[in-house]
Amino acid sequence: MVGVKRFALVCLLIFPVILITACGDPGCEVICDVDETQCTIDITCETGSAMCNMERSTVTGPHGELVMYSRNDDCTYDDSGNSYHIEGEINFDASEKVENYYFEVTGGVFGDTPQICAYP
């Protein structure tokens, strides 16, 4: 989108493959870029930086392999003052490849209507 700065909420994980899903109202979308190395959730109509209270966790298997990553964040954007709740998880297969993910974003311009990014 030309002339619009986007602030991405980034969480680093472990290895590369890109899966992108976009959901939401055409005027403002939630775009998820999730793979084994990152989990970026972008709210396209928000600009500037965001202050976030983040709760993140991982689950590992018996051999130390990554099984699940979850996040439960509350973020407020400085420019708009809008606050969002971001919650969801990524599940990995035995070779630590993304098996599936599901994230919901509520609040701000979306109100109580969840915007969902999911794979598959």
Protein backbone atom coordinates (compact mmCIF):
# COMPACT_ATOMS: atom_id res chain seq x y z
CA MET A 1 0.00 0.00 0.00
CA VAL A 2 1.63 3.27 -1.15
CA GLY A 3 2.37 5.94 1.46
CA VAL A 4 1.32 3.83 4.42
CA LYS A 5 3.86 2.68 6.98
CA ARG A 6 3.07 -0.63 8.50
CA PHE A 7 4.28 -1.80 11.84
CA ALA A 8 4.68 -5.53 12.05
CA LEU A 9 4.60 -7.45 15.26
CA VAL A 10 7.38 -9.96 14.85
CA CYS A 11 8.18 -13.05 16.81
CA LEU A 12 11.19 -15.14 15.86
CA LEU A 13 11.00 -18.91 15.82
CA ILE A 14 13.42 -21.37 14.20
CA PHE A 15 13.56 -22.22 10.35
CA PRO A 16 12.27 -20.92 6.90
CA VAL A 17 9.04 -21.55 4.79
CA ILE A 18 6.59 -18.77 3.93
CA LEU A 19 2.82 -19.06 4.31
CA ILE A 20 0.75 -15.87 4.01
CA THR A 21 -2.94 -15.46 4.73
CA ALA A 22 -4.96 -12.24 4.60
CA CYS A 23 -8.30 -11.75 6.28
CA GLY A 24 -10.60 -8.91 7.28
CA ASP A 25 -12.40 -5.86 5.97
CA PRO A 26 -11.07 -4.56 2.61
CA GLY A 27 -10.32 -1.16 4.24
CA CYS A 28 -8.18 -2.77 6.91
CA GLU A 29 -6.73 -6.25 6.76
CA VAL A 30 -4.84 -8.55 9.04
CA ILE A 31 -1.97 -10.18 7.18
CA CYS A 32 -0.09 -13.09 8.72
CA ASP A 33 3.34 -14.15 7.52
CA VAL A 34 4.13 -17.36 9.36
CA ASP A 35 6.92 -19.86 8.88
CA GLU A 36 9.47 -21.72 10.99
CA THR A 37 11.50 -18.53 11.57
CA GLN A 38 8.88 -15.83 12.09
CA CYS A 39 5.32 -14.99 12.97
CA THR A 40 4.48 -11.51 11.69
CA ILE A 41 0.95 -10.18 12.12
CA ASP A 42 0.36 -6.89 10.30
CA ILE A 43 -2.75 -4.68 10.66
CA THR A 44 -2.61 -2.79 7.35
CA CYS A 45 -4.47 0.35 8.40
CA GLU A 46 -2.28 1.00 11.46
CA THR A 47 0.84 3.15 11.28
CA GLY A 48 3.61 3.96 13.70
CA SER A 49 4.89 1.90 16.56
CA ALA A 50 2.91 -0.19 19.02
CA MET A 51 3.38 -0.89 22.70
CA CYS A 52 2.60 -4.53 23.47
CA ASN A 53 2.10 -6.66 26.53
CA MET A 54 3.21 -10.03 25.19
CA GLU A 55 2.67 -13.51 26.51
CA ARG A 56 4.49 -16.09 24.37
CA SER A 57 5.16 -19.77 24.94
CA THR A 58 6.58 -22.82 23.18
CA VAL A 59 6.10 -26.53 23.65
CA THR A 60 8.89 -28.93 22.75
CA GLY A 61 8.74 -32.66 22.16
CA PRO A 62 10.72 -35.41 23.94
CA HIS A 63 13.75 -34.90 21.67
CA GLY A 64 13.77 -31.09 21.98
CA GLU A 65 11.89 -30.52 18.71
CA LEU A 66 9.49 -27.56 18.49
CA VAL A 67 5.88 -28.80 18.67
CA MET A 68 3.83 -25.63 19.28
CA TYR A 69 4.28 -21.87 19.59
CA SER A 70 1.53 -19.66 21.03
CA ARG A 71 1.03 -15.95 21.60
CA ASN A 72 -1.46 -13.89 23.56
CA ASP A 73 -0.67 -10.18 23.00
CA ASP A 74 -2.37 -6.87 23.73
CA CYS A 75 -0.99 -4.04 21.58
CA THR A 76 -1.80 -0.32 21.36
CA TYR A 77 -0.67 1.74 18.36
CA ASP A 78 0.77 5.16 19.17
CA ASP A 79 -0.57 6.98 16.08
CA SER A 80 -4.24 5.90 16.35
CA GLY A 81 -4.50 4.88 20.00
CA ASN A 82 -6.26 1.68 18.83
CA SER A 83 -5.73 -1.44 20.95
CA TYR A 84 -5.80 -4.98 19.59
CA HIS A 85 -5.79 -8.44 21.15
CA ILE A 86 -3.83 -11.04 19.15
CA GLU A 87 -4.16 -14.67 20.14
CA GLY A 88 -3.32 -17.97 18.49
CA GLU A 89 -0.86 -20.76 17.89
CA ILE A 90 1.33 -22.49 15.35
CA ASN A 91 1.64 -26.29 15.38
CA PHE A 92 4.68 -28.03 13.92
CA ASP A 93 5.11 -31.54 12.53
CA ALA A 94 7.85 -33.98 13.56
CA SER A 95 10.39 -32.29 11.24
CA GLU A 96 9.53 -28.83 12.71
CA LYS A 97 7.72 -27.65 9.58
CA VAL A 98 4.54 -25.58 10.02
CA GLU A 99 1.66 -28.05 10.12
CA ASN A 100 -1.08 -25.47 10.80
CA TYR A 101 -1.75 -22.14 12.48
CA TYR A 102 -4.70 -20.11 13.70
CA PHE A 103 -4.65 -16.48 14.90
CA GLU A 104 -7.48 -14.14 15.88
CA VAL A 105 -7.20 -10.35 16.08
CA THR A 106 -9.94 -8.34 17.84
CA GLY A 107 -10.32 -4.77 19.06
CA GLY A 108 -9.35 -1.50 17.40
CA VAL A 109 -11.11 -0.98 14.07
CA PHE A 110 -12.44 -4.57 14.19
CA GLY A 111 -14.28 -4.25 17.50
CA ASP A 112 -15.50 -7.62 18.79
CA THR A 113 -15.52 -9.18 15.28
CA PRO A 114 -12.50 -11.50 15.13
CA GLN A 115 -10.25 -11.28 12.09
CA ILE A 116 -8.83 -14.73 11.47
CA CYS A 117 -5.64 -15.93 9.81
CA ALA A 118 -5.44 -19.67 9.46
CA TYR A 119 -3.57 -22.37 7.57
CA PRO A 120 -4.63 -24.72 6.10
